[in-house]
Each structure stands twice: as C-alpha cells, then as structure tokens.
Amino acid sequence: MSCKPHPPLMKKHSQTDLVSRLKTRKILGVGGEDDDGEVHRSKISQMLGNEIKFALREPLGLRVWILLSAVLFTVIALMALVFPNQLYEVTFEEELSTTNISIRLYGGALLSLSLILWNGLYTAEKVIMQWTLLSEACYFAIQFLVTSITLVEMGTLPNAAILLLLSRLLFLVVTMAYYYHLGRRNKKI
C-alpha cells in the first residue's frame, strides 16, 4: 500500500474572512451602534468614549479675543502698578488725594487675572476656556458696577469715565456671547 501524502493544511486567515471577522467583532461588542448612535471602531474607544465628542468647536475669533483681553489686562495692570496716579487721573479727570496702595492692589489683582487669561489662551479644554471667560465676564461686570457707583458718589461724569463704562459694557457682552457659545451642545453629525 502506498502511503499517499496528505495535502498541506490550509490555514484559515481570519483577517481576510469577513464572516469570521464580523463574528469576532460582534462577540467583542465592537462595531455596533451604542445608545447615542455612535459606532465604535475598537473596544478601547468604546470604553474611553469617542474623542470626536469632546473635540472643541471654537467660535470664530475666540482665541483672538482671549489674546486681546490678556494683552489689555496685562498692560492696564502694569500701568496700575507703575503709574497709579496717572491711571486714576486719566479715568476720573481729577487728582488722587488718597494713597496709591489701592490702585496698586487693583493692578496686582488685574495682573493675576491676566495670568489666567494667558493660560486660557493655550488650553484646548472647553471647561477651562469657559471658566476663563466667566472670570473675565465677572471682572467686567464688577468693574462696571464699581465705576458707576463711584461716578454717582462723585457727582461728575468725565468723558474718560463714560468711555470706560461703555467699553466695559461692550467687553462684557462680547465675553458673555463667547461663554454662551462655548456652553452650547454641538449637534451630532
């Protein structure tokens, strides 16, 4: 009897066999839609979540606005620290009769706020950008109220102070618009 050699065994490549691949993915729970209607390509993305969902869609001009605000806050803070009398005289059109320490403290607080803005400029996280904009909006609102109350107490209305009030109101509106736009949920694609 002659021994006939067996043909070589054919290896099944599951990578090319679509039915095997589909069964494997089904067993792993990958490739199907989840409750949100998202299709996960891997178990890792299913566990961690879809990174597209967390991608920040920035409003047009947001980075420019934060850069402009950071520069403005830094310049005014340095002016308040170095030239407190001149900053007060330009705003209220009268000489400062009290000590310079309050204006220098204002400059220090403003410099701290500008550091937050500089940090917010380089972040990609939505929550940090929202908190940055919210802190800026709080500053503008408080600045508007304090300046208004001071002008009412003084009984004068200098042009520079009116310009300051209007600019603070404008900055508050723009900052809140960016804050609102960042807080909105994006539509799913």
Protein backbone atom coordinates (compact mmCIF):
# COMPACT_ATOMS: atom_id res chain seq x y z
CA MET A 1 0.00 0.00 0.00
CA SER A 2 1.35 3.20 -0.92
CA CYS A 3 1.08 5.94 1.54
CA LYS A 4 -0.32 8.95 -0.13
CA PRO A 5 0.91 12.20 1.43
CA HIS A 6 -1.78 14.47 2.75
CA PRO A 7 -2.13 17.81 1.08
CA PRO A 8 -0.70 20.63 3.15
CA LEU A 9 -3.12 22.03 5.68
CA MET A 10 -4.71 25.27 4.59
CA LYS A 11 -4.61 27.88 7.28
CA LYS A 12 -7.67 30.00 7.61
CA HIS A 13 -6.82 33.66 7.85
CA SER A 14 -9.49 35.31 9.93
CA GLN A 15 -8.30 38.73 8.87
CA THR A 16 -9.46 38.09 5.35
CA ASP A 17 -12.52 36.03 6.22
CA LEU A 18 -15.24 38.65 6.60
CA VAL A 19 -17.73 36.37 8.32
CA SER A 20 -15.18 35.38 10.99
CA ARG A 21 -14.22 38.97 11.46
CA LEU A 22 -17.83 40.05 11.84
CA LYS A 23 -18.46 37.29 14.39
CA THR A 24 -15.37 38.28 16.36
CA ARG A 25 -16.35 41.95 16.43
CA LYS A 26 -19.88 41.02 17.45
CA ILE A 27 -18.58 38.90 20.33
CA LEU A 28 -16.30 41.75 21.44
CA GLY A 29 -19.17 44.21 21.18
CA VAL A 30 -17.37 46.42 18.71
CA GLY A 31 -18.73 47.93 15.52
CA GLY A 32 -22.35 48.18 16.53
CA GLU A 33 -24.17 51.35 17.46
CA ASP A 34 -24.42 52.35 21.11
CA ASP A 35 -27.29 54.21 22.78
CA ASP A 36 -26.06 57.55 21.42
CA GLY A 37 -25.94 56.23 17.86
CA GLU A 38 -22.14 56.22 17.72
CA VAL A 39 -20.23 53.38 16.08
CA HIS A 40 -17.06 52.42 17.95
CA ARG A 41 -14.14 51.09 15.97
CA SER A 42 -12.42 49.47 18.93
CA LYS A 43 -13.15 48.29 22.44
CA ILE A 44 -10.79 50.96 23.76
CA SER A 45 -12.72 53.78 22.11
CA GLN A 46 -15.90 52.21 23.42
CA MET A 47 -14.51 52.17 26.98
CA LEU A 48 -12.94 55.64 26.86
CA GLY A 49 -15.58 57.27 24.74
CA ASN A 50 -15.41 58.83 21.36
CA GLU A 51 -12.84 61.62 21.24
CA ILE A 52 -14.76 63.42 18.49
CA LYS A 53 -17.48 64.04 21.05
CA PHE A 54 -15.01 66.01 23.18
CA ALA A 55 -13.46 67.99 20.36
CA LEU A 56 -13.97 71.68 20.96
CA ARG A 57 -15.58 73.61 18.16
CA GLU A 58 -14.39 77.10 18.91
CA PRO A 59 -16.39 80.14 17.89
CA LEU A 60 -14.79 82.33 15.29
CA GLY A 61 -12.33 84.78 16.85
CA LEU A 62 -12.31 83.25 20.35
CA ARG A 63 -8.50 82.89 20.53
CA VAL A 64 -8.05 86.43 19.20
CA TRP A 65 -10.48 87.73 21.83
CA ILE A 66 -8.66 85.96 24.66
CA LEU A 67 -5.29 87.22 23.34
CA LEU A 68 -6.62 90.78 23.12
CA SER A 69 -8.04 90.52 26.64
CA ALA A 70 -4.82 89.07 28.05
CA VAL A 71 -2.73 91.86 26.49
CA LEU A 72 -5.17 94.54 27.64
CA PHE A 73 -5.30 93.21 31.21
CA THR A 74 -1.51 92.93 31.38
CA VAL A 75 -0.93 96.47 30.09
CA ILE A 76 -3.51 98.05 32.44
CA ALA A 77 -2.17 96.01 35.38
CA LEU A 78 1.40 97.17 34.72
CA MET A 79 0.20 100.77 34.37
CA ALA A 80 -1.65 100.49 37.70
CA LEU A 81 1.43 99.04 39.38
CA VAL A 82 3.94 101.51 37.95
CA PHE A 83 1.88 104.69 37.38
CA PRO A 84 -1.11 104.57 39.78
CA ASN A 85 -1.68 108.36 39.91
CA GLN A 86 -1.70 108.80 36.15
CA LEU A 87 -4.14 105.92 35.63
CA TYR A 88 -6.59 107.43 38.13
CA GLU A 89 -6.23 110.95 36.69
CA VAL A 90 -6.89 109.78 33.13
CA THR A 91 -10.01 107.90 34.16
CA PHE A 92 -11.66 110.30 36.60
CA GLU A 93 -10.04 113.59 35.46
CA GLU A 94 -9.07 114.62 38.98
CA GLU A 95 -6.03 114.15 41.16
CA LEU A 96 -5.75 111.26 43.54
CA SER A 97 -5.82 112.54 47.11
CA THR A 98 -5.53 109.19 48.88
CA THR A 99 -2.77 106.66 48.95
CA ASN A 100 -1.63 104.77 45.85
CA ILE A 101 -1.88 101.40 47.53
CA SER A 102 -5.47 100.72 46.46
CA ILE A 103 -4.66 101.27 42.80
CA ARG A 104 -1.53 99.14 43.08
CA LEU A 105 -3.58 96.37 44.71
CA TYR A 106 -6.02 96.68 41.82
CA GLY A 107 -3.05 96.32 39.44
CA GLY A 108 -1.89 93.19 41.26
CA ALA A 109 -5.35 91.62 41.08
CA LEU A 110 -5.60 92.52 37.41
CA LEU A 111 -2.18 91.01 36.75
CA SER A 112 -3.35 87.78 38.40
CA LEU A 113 -6.43 87.76 36.19
CA SER A 114 -4.26 88.34 33.13
CA LEU A 115 -2.25 85.22 34.03
CA ILE A 116 -5.49 83.23 33.95
CA LEU A 117 -6.24 84.68 30.53
CA TRP A 118 -2.76 83.84 29.23
CA ASN A 119 -3.26 80.26 30.45
CA GLY A 120 -6.71 80.11 28.83
CA LEU A 121 -5.18 81.12 25.53
CA TYR A 122 -3.09 77.95 25.29
CA THR A 123 -5.59 75.37 26.53
CA ALA A 124 -7.74 73.12 24.40
CA GLU A 125 -10.15 72.13 27.15
CA LYS A 126 -13.63 73.54 26.93
CA VAL A 127 -14.19 73.77 30.69
CA ILE A 128 -11.01 75.79 31.28
CA MET A 129 -11.92 78.17 28.47
CA GLN A 130 -15.41 78.60 29.92
CA TRP A 131 -14.04 79.38 33.39
CA THR A 132 -11.56 81.82 31.85
CA LEU A 133 -14.35 83.64 30.03
CA LEU A 134 -16.57 83.56 33.11
CA SER A 135 -13.87 85.12 35.29
CA GLU A 136 -13.32 87.79 32.66
CA ALA A 137 -17.06 88.49 32.48
CA CYS A 138 -17.27 88.75 36.28
CA TYR A 139 -14.44 91.26 36.24
CA PHE A 140 -16.16 93.41 33.60
CA ALA A 141 -19.49 93.31 35.46
CA ILE A 142 -17.90 94.24 38.80
CA GLN A 143 -15.79 96.95 37.12
CA PHE A 144 -18.92 98.42 35.54
CA LEU A 145 -20.82 98.47 38.85
CA VAL A 146 -17.95 99.88 40.91
CA THR A 147 -17.18 102.61 38.37
CA SER A 148 -20.88 103.54 38.10
CA ILE A 149 -21.28 103.79 41.87
CA THR A 150 -18.08 105.84 42.17
CA LEU A 151 -19.25 108.27 39.49
CA VAL A 152 -22.65 108.67 41.19
CA GLU A 153 -20.93 109.37 44.53
CA MET A 154 -18.57 111.89 42.94
CA GLY A 155 -21.39 113.68 41.16
CA THR A 156 -19.32 114.16 37.99
CA LEU A 157 -19.34 112.41 34.67
CA PRO A 158 -15.97 112.78 32.91
CA ASN A 159 -15.73 111.70 29.27
CA ALA A 160 -12.98 109.16 30.01
CA ALA A 161 -15.14 107.50 32.66
CA ILE A 162 -18.12 107.30 30.29
CA LEU A 163 -15.85 105.75 27.68
CA LEU A 164 -14.61 103.29 30.32
CA LEU A 165 -18.17 102.35 31.27
CA LEU A 166 -19.22 101.81 27.66
CA SER A 167 -16.12 99.76 26.88
CA ARG A 168 -16.67 97.58 29.96
CA LEU A 169 -20.27 97.00 28.91
CA LEU A 170 -19.20 96.10 25.36
CA PHE A 171 -16.46 93.76 26.64
CA LEU A 172 -18.97 92.13 28.99
CA VAL A 173 -21.42 91.48 26.15
CA VAL A 174 -18.73 90.02 23.85
CA THR A 175 -17.28 87.82 26.61
CA MET A 176 -20.70 86.51 27.59
CA ALA A 177 -21.51 85.78 23.93
CA TYR A 178 -18.36 83.64 23.66
CA TYR A 179 -19.15 81.99 27.00
CA TYR A 180 -22.69 81.19 25.86
CA HIS A 181 -21.47 79.82 22.52
CA LEU A 182 -18.93 77.53 24.23
CA GLY A 183 -21.61 76.24 26.60
CA ARG A 184 -23.96 75.14 23.84
CA ARG A 185 -24.01 71.47 22.91
CA ASN A 186 -22.91 70.65 19.41
CA LYS A 187 -25.29 68.75 17.15
CA LYS A 188 -24.27 65.20 16.37
CA ILE A 189 -23.07 64.59 12.88
